[in-house]
Amino acid sequence: MNAFLSPDFTLAAGRVRPSARVAVLEDGGEIVGFFPFERGRFRIGRPIATGVSDCQGVIHAPGFRWSTQDLLRGCDLDVWEFDHLLGSQAAWAGQHIAGRAAPIIDVSRGYELYIAERQRASKKIVKSTLYKQRKLDRDLGPTRFEFDVQDAQALRLLMKWKSAQYRRTGRRDRFAIGWIQRLVMDLFEARSAGCIGTLSVLYSDDRVVAAHFGLRSHFTLSCWFPAYDVGLAKYSPGLSLHLRMAEAAPAAGVRFLELGKGDEEYKESLKTGDVSVGEGWMERPSVIAVARRVQRSPRRFAFTFLSRHPRLRTGARNVLKRVGALRGSQ
């Protein structure tokens, strides 16, 4: 199971989000499933830990078939919006849903086979990254990597770097939001088998050059917050970090690294495949549902249009970066 669907993630989210709820699904008097969500105004629901949850859906017993209408009615919701719905649950979600590709790294056959395949598919990127990694060793001192380290200072530095990256690229700064900071620190400190907050750090001597904080379940690492020292960008420390994570993952029992939806260049270079996630909403007939659909339509049309035209999508991303640069100069 993905760590974002674990009880421990839901409990951690509940400690920082008063709107968090869990619906209990029953069939013939027996508990057959759970549905974590957040209840907003006007009976509009969203994923638990909305904005930072990278996997959403109903957790249920094998073979159980749930109804969208019954689910929403039981939760007293007219609409439930999502952006990372399990691809396997798209058929139950209704018609207001679009599939998105979420890249993954499969290391179930070992790192050596993975890197050999990547060198064939993305020879220039992999060769360049490995060369820059050796150059970083020569210029700054020997690098070392820790897959799962309890280094609170490194985590705080990661959040600082990530915050600056959000502003630099014109995106909402998640780490300027108090409850997200508290959630990450909670998950870093409270570790359980199904949801292990995993901080991976690439050091040069004792200097942190790149770091990543993600959530690990039994077989999967959900890549959540990667960042690096932008002053060392010429060494590609972020790519080096991801390769080191892929190398160390099998020894920790991890078979898959989920990179999250998006078509960033580094994801395309590192991935071995994609899984499908759903973006959209479920609804039941109501005035609220109709009003929300009308409100969302222009934004959804624009997003769909951009997703089908890579050149325009790149242009939109550059505009966001310019907006970020203007913010940073103020």
C-alpha atoms as a PDB file:
ATOM      1  CA  MET A   1       0.000   0.000   0.000  1.00  0.00           C
ATOM      2  CA  ASN A   2       1.155   3.544  -0.721  1.00  0.00           C
ATOM      3  CA  ALA A   3       2.254   5.398   2.436  1.00  0.00           C
ATOM      4  CA  PHE A   4      -0.206   8.234   1.746  1.00  0.00           C
ATOM      5  CA  LEU A   5      -3.044   5.715   2.191  1.00  0.00           C
ATOM      6  CA  SER A   6      -1.693   4.371   5.486  1.00  0.00           C
ATOM      7  CA  PRO A   7      -3.455   4.883   8.833  1.00  0.00           C
ATOM      8  CA  ASP A   8      -0.367   6.640  10.181  1.00  0.00           C
ATOM      9  CA  PHE A   9      -0.392   9.308   7.464  1.00  0.00           C
ATOM     10  CA  THR A  10      -4.095   9.902   8.103  1.00  0.00           C
ATOM     11  CA  LEU A  11      -3.512  10.192  11.862  1.00  0.00           C
ATOM     12  CA  ALA A  12      -0.615  12.603  11.327  1.00  0.00           C
ATOM     13  CA  ALA A  13      -2.763  14.725   8.985  1.00  0.00           C
ATOM     14  CA  GLY A  14      -5.561  14.692  11.550  1.00  0.00           C
ATOM     15  CA  ARG A  15      -3.230  16.152  14.160  1.00  0.00           C
ATOM     16  CA  VAL A  16      -2.625  19.262  12.030  1.00  0.00           C
ATOM     17  CA  ARG A  17      -5.872  19.504  10.035  1.00  0.00           C
ATOM     18  CA  PRO A  18      -9.086  19.961  12.105  1.00  0.00           C
ATOM     19  CA  SER A  19     -11.170  19.357   8.961  1.00  0.00           C
ATOM     20  CA  ALA A  20      -9.773  15.818   8.543  1.00  0.00           C
ATOM     21  CA  ARG A  21     -12.323  12.995   8.592  1.00  0.00           C
ATOM     22  CA  VAL A  22     -12.381   9.240   8.018  1.00  0.00           C
ATOM     23  CA  ALA A  23     -15.528   7.532   6.778  1.00  0.00           C
ATOM     24  CA  VAL A  24     -15.929   3.868   7.747  1.00  0.00           C
ATOM     25  CA  LEU A  25     -17.464   1.660   5.061  1.00  0.00           C
ATOM     26  CA  GLU A  26     -19.583  -1.296   6.168  1.00  0.00           C
ATOM     27  CA  ASP A  27     -21.158  -4.189   4.315  1.00  0.00           C
ATOM     28  CA  GLY A  28     -23.558  -6.463   6.153  1.00  0.00           C
ATOM     29  CA  GLY A  29     -22.383  -5.102   9.492  1.00  0.00           C
ATOM     30  CA  GLU A  30     -18.715  -5.753   8.731  1.00  0.00           C
ATOM     31  CA  ILE A  31     -16.093  -3.045   8.215  1.00  0.00           C
ATOM     32  CA  VAL A  32     -14.842  -3.305   4.624  1.00  0.00           C
ATOM     33  CA  GLY A  33     -13.122  -0.003   4.014  1.00  0.00           C
ATOM     34  CA  PHE A  34     -12.103   3.513   4.962  1.00  0.00           C
ATOM     35  CA  PHE A  35     -12.256   6.835   3.163  1.00  0.00           C
ATOM     36  CA  PRO A  36      -9.999   9.643   4.466  1.00  0.00           C
ATOM     37  CA  PHE A  37     -11.009  13.150   3.367  1.00  0.00           C
ATOM     38  CA  GLU A  38     -11.321  16.765   4.437  1.00  0.00           C
ATOM     39  CA  ARG A  39     -14.697  18.417   4.666  1.00  0.00           C
ATOM     40  CA  GLY A  40     -14.806  22.015   3.463  1.00  0.00           C
ATOM     41  CA  ARG A  41     -17.504  24.622   3.157  1.00  0.00           C
ATOM     42  CA  PHE A  42     -20.671  24.025   1.174  1.00  0.00           C
ATOM     43  CA  ARG A  43     -20.287  20.211   1.478  1.00  0.00           C
ATOM     44  CA  ILE A  44     -17.219  20.229  -0.806  1.00  0.00           C
ATOM     45  CA  GLY A  45     -14.626  17.637   0.170  1.00  0.00           C
ATOM     46  CA  ARG A  46     -10.945  17.339  -0.683  1.00  0.00           C
ATOM     47  CA  PRO A  47      -8.185  14.801  -0.006  1.00  0.00           C
ATOM     48  CA  ILE A  48      -6.805  14.560   3.481  1.00  0.00           C
ATOM     49  CA  ALA A  49      -3.732  16.821   3.772  1.00  0.00           C
ATOM     50  CA  THR A  50      -4.960  18.488   0.614  1.00  0.00           C
ATOM     51  CA  GLY A  51      -2.210  19.970  -1.512  1.00  0.00           C
ATOM     52  CA  VAL A  52       0.530  17.600  -0.346  1.00  0.00           C
ATOM     53  CA  SER A  53      -1.077  14.147  -0.558  1.00  0.00           C
ATOM     54  CA  ASP A  54       0.297  12.270  -3.574  1.00  0.00           C
ATOM     55  CA  CYS A  55      -2.064   9.275  -3.445  1.00  0.00           C
ATOM     56  CA  GLN A  56      -5.797   9.364  -2.743  1.00  0.00           C
ATOM     57  CA  GLY A  57      -8.741   7.017  -2.778  1.00  0.00           C
ATOM     58  CA  VAL A  58     -10.878   4.538  -0.877  1.00  0.00           C
ATOM     59  CA  ILE A  59      -9.016   1.884   1.090  1.00  0.00           C
ATOM     60  CA  HIS A  60     -11.160  -1.255   0.975  1.00  0.00           C
ATOM     61  CA  ALA A  61     -11.195  -5.024   1.190  1.00  0.00           C
ATOM     62  CA  PRO A  62     -10.469  -6.966  -2.027  1.00  0.00           C
ATOM     63  CA  GLY A  63     -13.527  -7.354  -4.211  1.00  0.00           C
ATOM     64  CA  PHE A  64     -15.631  -4.712  -2.472  1.00  0.00           C
ATOM     65  CA  ARG A  65     -17.394  -2.397  -4.913  1.00  0.00           C
ATOM     66  CA  TRP A  66     -18.311   1.022  -3.642  1.00  0.00           C
ATOM     67  CA  SER A  67     -20.772   3.539  -5.054  1.00  0.00           C
ATOM     68  CA  THR A  68     -19.849   7.177  -5.606  1.00  0.00           C
ATOM     69  CA  GLN A  69     -23.359   8.314  -4.684  1.00  0.00           C
ATOM     70  CA  ASP A  70     -23.477   6.256  -1.488  1.00  0.00           C
ATOM     71  CA  LEU A  71     -19.988   7.380  -0.519  1.00  0.00           C
ATOM     72  CA  LEU A  72     -20.734  11.081  -0.932  1.00  0.00           C
ATOM     73  CA  ARG A  73     -24.134  10.791   0.729  1.00  0.00           C
ATOM     74  CA  GLY A  74     -22.662   8.972   3.704  1.00  0.00           C
ATOM     75  CA  CYS A  75     -19.983  11.665   4.094  1.00  0.00           C
ATOM     76  CA  ASP A  76     -22.537  14.478   3.685  1.00  0.00           C
ATOM     77  CA  LEU A  77     -20.648  15.746   0.631  1.00  0.00           C
ATOM     78  CA  ASP A  78     -21.971  17.009  -2.686  1.00  0.00           C
ATOM     79  CA  VAL A  79     -18.523  17.047  -4.303  1.00  0.00           C
ATOM     80  CA  TRP A  80     -15.171  15.402  -3.603  1.00  0.00           C
ATOM     81  CA  GLU A  81     -12.224  16.875  -5.522  1.00  0.00           C
ATOM     82  CA  PHE A  82      -8.947  15.039  -6.029  1.00  0.00           C
ATOM     83  CA  ASP A  83      -5.679  15.300  -7.956  1.00  0.00           C
ATOM     84  CA  HIS A  84      -3.927  11.955  -7.298  1.00  0.00           C
ATOM     85  CA  LEU A  85      -6.716   9.366  -7.323  1.00  0.00           C
ATOM     86  CA  LEU A  86      -5.612   5.754  -7.615  1.00  0.00           C
ATOM     87  CA  GLY A  87      -5.786   4.838 -11.286  1.00  0.00           C
ATOM     88  CA  SER A  88      -7.583   1.595 -10.432  1.00  0.00           C
ATOM     89  CA  GLN A  89     -10.468   3.588  -8.937  1.00  0.00           C
ATOM     90  CA  ALA A  90     -11.047   5.866 -11.913  1.00  0.00           C
ATOM     91  CA  ALA A  91     -13.932   3.710 -13.163  1.00  0.00           C
ATOM     92  CA  TRP A  92     -15.871   4.432  -9.964  1.00  0.00           C
ATOM     93  CA  ALA A  93     -15.135   8.157  -9.963  1.00  0.00           C
ATOM     94  CA  GLY A  94     -17.581   9.189 -12.684  1.00  0.00           C
ATOM     95  CA  GLN A  95     -17.098  11.238 -15.819  1.00  0.00           C
ATOM     96  CA  HIS A  96     -15.364  14.315 -14.384  1.00  0.00           C
ATOM     97  CA  ILE A  97     -11.903  12.822 -14.341  1.00  0.00           C
ATOM     98  CA  ALA A  98      -8.752  13.018 -16.441  1.00  0.00           C
ATOM     99  CA  GLY A  99      -5.889  10.538 -16.336  1.00  0.00           C
ATOM    100  CA  ARG A 100      -2.378  11.811 -15.652  1.00  0.00           C
ATOM    101  CA  ALA A 101       0.929   9.976 -15.944  1.00  0.00           C
ATOM    102  CA  ALA A 102       2.994   9.602 -12.773  1.00  0.00           C
ATOM    103  CA  PRO A 103       6.566   8.412 -13.468  1.00  0.00           C
ATOM    104  CA  ILE A 104       8.089   5.585 -11.423  1.00  0.00           C
ATOM    105  CA  ILE A 105      11.522   4.001 -11.027  1.00  0.00           C
ATOM    106  CA  ASP A 106      11.411   0.205 -10.869  1.00  0.00           C
ATOM    107  CA  VAL A 107      14.446  -1.231  -9.057  1.00  0.00           C
ATOM    108  CA  SER A 108      12.852  -4.577  -8.262  1.00  0.00           C
ATOM    109  CA  ARG A 109      15.512  -6.333 -10.369  1.00  0.00           C
ATOM    110  CA  GLY A 110      18.350  -4.409  -8.733  1.00  0.00           C
ATOM    111  CA  TYR A 111      20.203  -1.160  -9.343  1.00  0.00           C
ATOM    112  CA  GLU A 112      22.709  -2.562 -11.837  1.00  0.00           C
ATOM    113  CA  LEU A 113      19.970  -3.592 -14.259  1.00  0.00           C
ATOM    114  CA  TYR A 114      18.186  -0.283 -13.710  1.00  0.00           C
ATOM    115  CA  ILE A 115      21.261   1.859 -14.443  1.00  0.00           C
ATOM    116  CA  ALA A 116      22.180  -0.272 -17.476  1.00  0.00           C
ATOM    117  CA  GLU A 117      18.693   0.260 -18.899  1.00  0.00           C
ATOM    118  CA  ARG A 118      18.843   3.995 -18.188  1.00  0.00           C
ATOM    119  CA  GLN A 119      22.227   4.263 -19.881  1.00  0.00           C
ATOM    120  CA  ARG A 120      20.705   2.775 -23.019  1.00  0.00           C
ATOM    121  CA  ALA A 121      17.596   4.965 -22.923  1.00  0.00           C
ATOM    122  CA  SER A 122      19.104   8.231 -21.596  1.00  0.00           C
ATOM    123  CA  LYS A 123      22.807   7.687 -22.195  1.00  0.00           C
ATOM    124  CA  LYS A 124      23.777  11.361 -22.267  1.00  0.00           C
ATOM    125  CA  ILE A 125      21.947  12.282 -19.039  1.00  0.00           C
ATOM    126  CA  VAL A 126      23.213   9.331 -17.015  1.00  0.00           C
ATOM    127  CA  LYS A 127      26.783   9.611 -18.296  1.00  0.00           C
ATOM    128  CA  SER A 128      26.801  13.362 -17.614  1.00  0.00           C
ATOM    129  CA  THR A 129      25.389  12.929 -14.105  1.00  0.00           C
ATOM    130  CA  LEU A 130      27.934  10.277 -13.146  1.00  0.00           C
ATOM    131  CA  TYR A 131      30.741  12.462 -14.534  1.00  0.00           C
ATOM    132  CA  LYS A 132      29.540  15.486 -12.541  1.00  0.00           C
ATOM    133  CA  GLN A 133      29.304  13.354  -9.423  1.00  0.00           C
ATOM    134  CA  ARG A 134      32.994  12.430  -9.772  1.00  0.00           C
ATOM    135  CA  LYS A 135      33.842  16.081 -10.421  1.00  0.00           C
ATOM    136  CA  LEU A 136      32.002  17.068  -7.237  1.00  0.00           C
ATOM    137  CA  ASP A 137      34.167  14.525  -5.362  1.00  0.00           C
ATOM    138  CA  ARG A 138      37.306  16.141  -6.760  1.00  0.00           C
ATOM    139  CA  ASP A 139      36.293  19.772  -6.286  1.00  0.00           C
ATOM    140  CA  LEU A 140      34.551  19.751  -2.901  1.00  0.00           C
ATOM    141  CA  GLY A 141      35.737  16.547  -1.284  1.00  0.00           C
ATOM    142  CA  PRO A 142      34.478  12.966  -1.133  1.00  0.00           C
ATOM    143  CA  THR A 143      30.717  12.588  -1.234  1.00  0.00           C
ATOM    144  CA  ARG A 144      28.782  10.218   0.963  1.00  0.00           C
ATOM    145  CA  PHE A 145      25.142   9.271   0.877  1.00  0.00           C
ATOM    146  CA  GLU A 146      22.699   8.298   3.627  1.00  0.00           C
ATOM    147  CA  PHE A 147      19.438   6.725   2.496  1.00  0.00           C
ATOM    148  CA  ASP A 148      17.608   7.112   5.816  1.00  0.00           C
ATOM    149  CA  VAL A 149      19.196   9.527   8.274  1.00  0.00           C
ATOM    150  CA  GLN A 150      17.805  11.228  11.367  1.00  0.00           C
ATOM    151  CA  ASP A 151      19.344  14.639  10.724  1.00  0.00           C
ATOM    152  CA  ALA A 152      16.867  17.331  11.753  1.00  0.00           C
ATOM    153  CA  GLN A 153      19.237  20.109  10.714  1.00  0.00           C
ATOM    154  CA  ALA A 154      19.426  18.675   7.178  1.00  0.00           C
ATOM    155  CA  LEU A 155      15.631  18.479   7.059  1.00  0.00           C
ATOM    156  CA  ARG A 156      15.288  22.128   8.046  1.00  0.00           C
ATOM    157  CA  LEU A 157      17.808  23.042   5.341  1.00  0.00           C
ATOM    158  CA  LEU A 158      15.829  20.996   2.817  1.00  0.00           C
ATOM    159  CA  MET A 159      12.645  22.886   3.694  1.00  0.00           C
ATOM    160  CA  LYS A 160      14.473  26.199   3.339  1.00  0.00           C
ATOM    161  CA  TRP A 161      15.784  25.196  -0.111  1.00  0.00           C
ATOM    162  CA  LYS A 162      12.374  23.915  -1.192  1.00  0.00           C
ATOM    163  CA  SER A 163      10.667  27.082  -0.032  1.00  0.00           C
ATOM    164  CA  ALA A 164      13.100  29.151  -2.124  1.00  0.00           C
ATOM    165  CA  GLN A 165      12.508  26.875  -5.126  1.00  0.00           C
ATOM    166  CA  TYR A 166       8.732  27.356  -4.902  1.00  0.00           C
ATOM    167  CA  ARG A 167       9.144  31.126  -4.870  1.00  0.00           C
ATOM    168  CA  ARG A 168      11.773  31.041  -7.623  1.00  0.00           C
ATOM    169  CA  THR A 169       9.473  29.085  -9.943  1.00  0.00           C
ATOM    170  CA  GLY A 170       6.374  31.159  -9.206  1.00  0.00           C
ATOM    171  CA  ARG A 171       4.564  28.431  -7.283  1.00  0.00           C
ATOM    172  CA  ARG A 172       2.807  28.459  -3.943  1.00  0.00           C
ATOM    173  CA  ASP A 173       5.325  28.115  -1.139  1.00  0.00           C
ATOM    174  CA  ARG A 174       4.093  25.065   0.738  1.00  0.00           C
ATOM    175  CA  PHE A 175       6.616  25.507   3.511  1.00  0.00           C
ATOM    176  CA  ALA A 176       5.265  28.951   4.277  1.00  0.00           C
ATOM    177  CA  ILE A 177       2.157  27.105   5.527  1.00  0.00           C
ATOM    178  CA  GLY A 178       2.411  26.159   9.176  1.00  0.00           C
ATOM    179  CA  TRP A 179       0.451  22.920   9.133  1.00  0.00           C
ATOM    180  CA  ILE A 180       2.574  21.508   6.280  1.00  0.00           C
ATOM    181  CA  GLN A 181       5.749  22.209   8.253  1.00  0.00           C
ATOM    182  CA  ARG A 182       4.249  20.510  11.311  1.00  0.00           C
ATOM    183  CA  LEU A 183       3.065  17.524   9.264  1.00  0.00           C
ATOM    184  CA  VAL A 184       6.514  16.944   7.756  1.00  0.00           C
ATOM    185  CA  MET A 185       8.249  17.216  11.143  1.00  0.00           C
ATOM    186  CA  ASP A 186       5.678  14.856  12.697  1.00  0.00           C
ATOM    187  CA  LEU A 187       6.226  12.247   9.973  1.00  0.00           C
ATOM    188  CA  PHE A 188       9.993  12.652  10.282  1.00  0.00           C
ATOM    189  CA  GLU A 189       9.870  11.922  14.021  1.00  0.00           C
ATOM    190  CA  ALA A 190       7.073   9.325  14.216  1.00  0.00           C
ATOM    191  CA  ARG A 191       8.025   6.263  12.166  1.00  0.00           C
ATOM    192  CA  SER A 192       5.831   3.225  11.596  1.00  0.00           C
ATOM    193  CA  ALA A 193       6.072   0.201   9.323  1.00  0.00           C
ATOM    194  CA  GLY A 194       3.559   1.478   6.766  1.00  0.00           C
ATOM    195  CA  CYS A 195       4.637   5.127   6.734  1.00  0.00           C
ATOM    196  CA  ILE A 196       8.320   5.767   7.403  1.00  0.00           C
ATOM    197  CA  GLY A 197       9.378   9.370   6.956  1.00  0.00           C
ATOM    198  CA  THR A 198      12.649   8.900   5.076  1.00  0.00           C
ATOM    199  CA  LEU A 199      15.256  11.637   4.802  1.00  0.00           C
ATOM    200  CA  SER A 200      17.931  10.880   2.200  1.00  0.00           C
ATOM    201  CA  VAL A 201      20.973  13.160   2.139  1.00  0.00           C
ATOM    202  CA  LEU A 202      23.957  13.583  -0.172  1.00  0.00           C
ATOM    203  CA  TYR A 203      26.920  15.112   1.651  1.00  0.00           C
ATOM    204  CA  SER A 204      30.243  16.441   0.441  1.00  0.00           C
ATOM    205  CA  ASP A 205      32.413  15.919   3.500  1.00  0.00           C
ATOM    206  CA  ASP A 206      29.968  17.288   6.107  1.00  0.00           C
ATOM    207  CA  ARG A 207      28.244  19.741   3.783  1.00  0.00           C
ATOM    208  CA  VAL A 208      24.712  18.913   2.624  1.00  0.00           C
ATOM    209  CA  VAL A 209      24.547  19.314  -1.152  1.00  0.00           C
ATOM    210  CA  ALA A 210      21.164  17.665  -1.836  1.00  0.00           C
ATOM    211  CA  ALA A 211      18.377  16.108   0.205  1.00  0.00           C
ATOM    212  CA  HIS A 212      15.027  14.425  -0.203  1.00  0.00           C
ATOM    213  CA  PHE A 213      12.212  13.716   2.244  1.00  0.00           C
ATOM    214  CA  GLY A 214       9.663  11.092   1.273  1.00  0.00           C
ATOM    215  CA  LEU A 215       7.371   8.463   2.727  1.00  0.00           C
ATOM    216  CA  ARG A 216       8.243   4.795   2.610  1.00  0.00           C
ATOM    217  CA  SER A 217       5.824   1.896   2.855  1.00  0.00           C
ATOM    218  CA  HIS A 218       6.795  -1.768   2.701  1.00  0.00           C
ATOM    219  CA  PHE A 219       7.868  -1.790  -0.970  1.00  0.00           C
ATOM    220  CA  THR A 220       7.460   1.797  -2.228  1.00  0.00           C
ATOM    221  CA  LEU A 221       9.166   5.121  -1.608  1.00  0.00           C
ATOM    222  CA  SER A 222       6.930   8.062  -2.486  1.00  0.00           C
ATOM    223  CA  CYS A 223       9.252  10.858  -3.576  1.00  0.00           C
ATOM    224  CA  TRP A 224       7.861  13.984  -1.964  1.00  0.00           C
ATOM    225  CA  PHE A 225      10.230  16.904  -1.358  1.00  0.00           C
ATOM    226  CA  PRO A 226      13.600  16.893  -3.180  1.00  0.00           C
ATOM    227  CA  ALA A 227      15.916  19.931  -3.167  1.00  0.00           C
ATOM    228  CA  TYR A 228      19.571  20.833  -3.583  1.00  0.00           C
ATOM    229  CA  ASP A 229      22.066  23.640  -3.089  1.00  0.00           C
ATOM    230  CA  VAL A 230      21.500  25.843  -6.159  1.00  0.00           C
ATOM    231  CA  GLY A 231      25.022  27.204  -5.755  1.00  0.00           C
ATOM    232  CA  LEU A 232      26.223  23.755  -6.850  1.00  0.00           C
ATOM    233  CA  ALA A 233      23.782  23.361  -9.743  1.00  0.00           C
ATOM    234  CA  LYS A 234      26.603  22.797 -12.252  1.00  0.00           C
ATOM    235  CA  TYR A 235      27.291  19.450 -10.547  1.00  0.00           C
ATOM    236  CA  SER A 236      23.630  18.279 -10.919  1.00  0.00           C
ATOM    237  CA  PRO A 237      23.437  17.210  -7.255  1.00  0.00           C
ATOM    238  CA  GLY A 238      19.689  16.600  -7.512  1.00  0.00           C
ATOM    239  CA  LEU A 239      20.111  13.971 -10.218  1.00  0.00           C
ATOM    240  CA  SER A 240      23.016  12.412  -8.323  1.00  0.00           C
ATOM    241  CA  LEU A 241      20.829  12.221  -5.237  1.00  0.00           C
ATOM    242  CA  HIS A 242      18.080  10.369  -7.108  1.00  0.00           C
ATOM    243  CA  LEU A 243      20.538   7.875  -8.577  1.00  0.00           C
ATOM    244  CA  ARG A 244      21.972   7.243  -5.106  1.00  0.00           C
ATOM    245  CA  MET A 245      18.434   6.726  -3.780  1.00  0.00           C
ATOM    246  CA  ALA A 246      17.728   4.209  -6.537  1.00  0.00           C
ATOM    247  CA  GLU A 247      20.982   2.442  -5.732  1.00  0.00           C
ATOM    248  CA  ALA A 248      20.258   2.191  -1.995  1.00  0.00           C
ATOM    249  CA  ALA A 249      16.539   1.388  -2.251  1.00  0.00           C
ATOM    250  CA  PRO A 250      16.704  -2.410  -2.855  1.00  0.00           C
ATOM    251  CA  ALA A 251      18.749  -2.979   0.318  1.00  0.00           C
ATOM    252  CA  ALA A 252      15.944  -1.231   2.258  1.00  0.00           C
ATOM    253  CA  GLY A 253      13.337  -3.489   0.666  1.00  0.00           C
ATOM    254  CA  VAL A 254      12.076  -0.774  -1.685  1.00  0.00           C
ATOM    255  CA  ARG A 255      11.117  -1.942  -5.167  1.00  0.00           C
ATOM    256  CA  PHE A 256       9.579   1.219  -6.591  1.00  0.00           C
ATOM    257  CA  LEU A 257      10.293   4.933  -6.303  1.00  0.00           C
ATOM    258  CA  GLU A 258       7.212   6.949  -7.226  1.00  0.00           C
ATOM    259  CA  LEU A 259       8.258  10.349  -8.592  1.00  0.00           C
ATOM    260  CA  GLY A 260       4.776  11.890  -8.640  1.00  0.00           C
ATOM    261  CA  LYS A 261       2.849  13.218 -11.603  1.00  0.00           C
ATOM    262  CA  GLY A 262       4.531  15.717 -13.884  1.00  0.00           C
ATOM    263  CA  ASP A 263       6.733  15.779 -16.956  1.00  0.00           C
ATOM    264  CA  GLU A 264       9.818  17.477 -15.536  1.00  0.00           C
ATOM    265  CA  GLU A 265      12.961  16.594 -17.475  1.00  0.00           C
ATOM    266  CA  TYR A 266      14.651  14.808 -14.597  1.00  0.00           C
ATOM    267  CA  LYS A 267      11.628  12.529 -14.159  1.00  0.00           C
ATOM    268  CA  GLU A 268      11.619  11.626 -17.826  1.00  0.00           C
ATOM    269  CA  SER A 269      15.339  10.831 -17.638  1.00  0.00           C
ATOM    270  CA  LEU A 270      15.104   8.637 -14.546  1.00  0.00           C
ATOM    271  CA  LYS A 271      11.808   6.832 -14.962  1.00  0.00           C
ATOM    272  CA  THR A 272      11.336   3.253 -16.131  1.00  0.00           C
ATOM    273  CA  GLY A 273       7.600   3.678 -16.676  1.00  0.00           C
ATOM    274  CA  ASP A 274       4.432   5.410 -15.539  1.00  0.00           C
ATOM    275  CA  VAL A 275       1.383   4.681 -13.461  1.00  0.00           C
ATOM    276  CA  SER A 276      -1.905   6.442 -14.013  1.00  0.00           C
ATOM    277  CA  VAL A 277      -3.517   8.746 -11.463  1.00  0.00           C
ATOM    278  CA  GLY A 278      -6.808  10.576 -11.751  1.00  0.00           C
ATOM    279  CA  GLU A 279      -7.489  14.285 -11.480  1.00  0.00           C
ATOM    280  CA  GLY A 280     -10.989  15.708 -11.227  1.00  0.00           C
ATOM    281  CA  TRP A 281     -13.972  15.282  -8.955  1.00  0.00           C
ATOM    282  CA  MET A 282     -16.922  13.096  -7.963  1.00  0.00           C
ATOM    283  CA  GLU A 283     -20.333  14.608  -7.461  1.00  0.00           C
ATOM    284  CA  ARG A 284     -23.942  13.851  -6.690  1.00  0.00           C
ATOM    285  CA  PRO A 285     -26.838  15.874  -8.108  1.00  0.00           C
ATOM    286  CA  SER A 286     -27.105  19.203  -6.303  1.00  0.00           C
ATOM    287  CA  VAL A 287     -26.993  22.961  -6.826  1.00  0.00           C
ATOM    288  CA  ILE A 288     -23.553  23.021  -5.174  1.00  0.00           C
ATOM    289  CA  ALA A 289     -22.204  20.424  -7.606  1.00  0.00           C
ATOM    290  CA  VAL A 290     -23.436  22.374 -10.630  1.00  0.00           C
ATOM    291  CA  ALA A 291     -22.030  25.659  -9.302  1.00  0.00           C
ATOM    292  CA  ARG A 292     -18.674  24.073  -8.541  1.00  0.00           C
ATOM    293  CA  ARG A 293     -18.527  22.465 -11.998  1.00  0.00           C
ATOM    294  CA  VAL A 294     -19.100  25.844 -13.672  1.00  0.00           C
ATOM    295  CA  GLN A 295     -16.459  27.428 -11.446  1.00  0.00           C
ATOM    296  CA  ARG A 296     -13.869  24.771 -12.290  1.00  0.00           C
ATOM    297  CA  SER A 297     -14.495  24.514 -16.032  1.00  0.00           C
ATOM    298  CA  PRO A 298     -12.246  27.365 -17.307  1.00  0.00           C
ATOM    299  CA  ARG A 299      -9.286  26.212 -15.200  1.00  0.00           C
ATOM    300  CA  ARG A 300      -9.730  22.589 -16.234  1.00  0.00           C
ATOM    301  CA  PHE A 301     -10.007  23.525 -19.912  1.00  0.00           C
ATOM    302  CA  ALA A 302      -6.795  25.563 -19.702  1.00  0.00           C
ATOM    303  CA  PHE A 303      -4.933  22.746 -17.937  1.00  0.00           C
ATOM    304  CA  THR A 304      -6.116  20.117 -20.411  1.00  0.00           C
ATOM    305  CA  PHE A 305      -5.213  22.344 -23.345  1.00  0.00           C
ATOM    306  CA  LEU A 306      -1.689  22.944 -22.009  1.00  0.00           C
ATOM    307  CA  SER A 307      -1.173  19.241 -21.238  1.00  0.00           C
ATOM    308  CA  ARG A 308      -1.821  18.442 -24.909  1.00  0.00           C
ATOM    309  CA  HIS A 309       0.599  21.104 -26.209  1.00  0.00           C
ATOM    310  CA  PRO A 310       4.094  20.638 -24.724  1.00  0.00           C
ATOM    311  CA  ARG A 311       5.489  23.799 -26.313  1.00  0.00           C
ATOM    312  CA  LEU A 312       2.797  25.964 -24.735  1.00  0.00           C
ATOM    313  CA  ARG A 313       3.214  24.126 -21.428  1.00  0.00           C
ATOM    314  CA  THR A 314       6.920  24.975 -21.459  1.00  0.00           C
ATOM    315  CA  GLY A 315       6.044  28.595 -22.162  1.00  0.00           C
ATOM    316  CA  ALA A 316       3.608  28.666 -19.239  1.00  0.00           C
ATOM    317  CA  ARG A 317       6.270  27.213 -16.964  1.00  0.00           C
ATOM    318  CA  ASN A 318       8.730  29.925 -18.069  1.00  0.00           C
ATOM    319  CA  VAL A 319       6.147  32.589 -17.263  1.00  0.00           C
ATOM    320  CA  LEU A 320       5.841  31.151 -13.740  1.00  0.00           C
ATOM    321  CA  LYS A 321       9.609  31.329 -13.360  1.00  0.00           C
ATOM    322  CA  ARG A 322       9.612  34.990 -14.419  1.00  0.00           C
ATOM    323  CA  VAL A 323       6.854  35.703 -11.891  1.00  0.00           C
ATOM    324  CA  GLY A 324       8.984  33.956  -9.254  1.00  0.00           C
ATOM    325  CA  ALA A 325      12.003  36.060 -10.211  1.00  0.00           C
ATOM    326  CA  LEU A 326       9.937  39.246  -9.842  1.00  0.00           C
ATOM    327  CA  ARG A 327       8.743  38.120  -6.418  1.00  0.00           C
ATOM    328  CA  GLY A 328      12.321  37.416  -5.355  1.00  0.00           C
ATOM    329  CA  SER A 329      13.490  40.872  -6.441  1.00  0.00           C
ATOM    330  CA  GLN A 330      10.875  42.689  -4.362  1.00  0.00           C
END
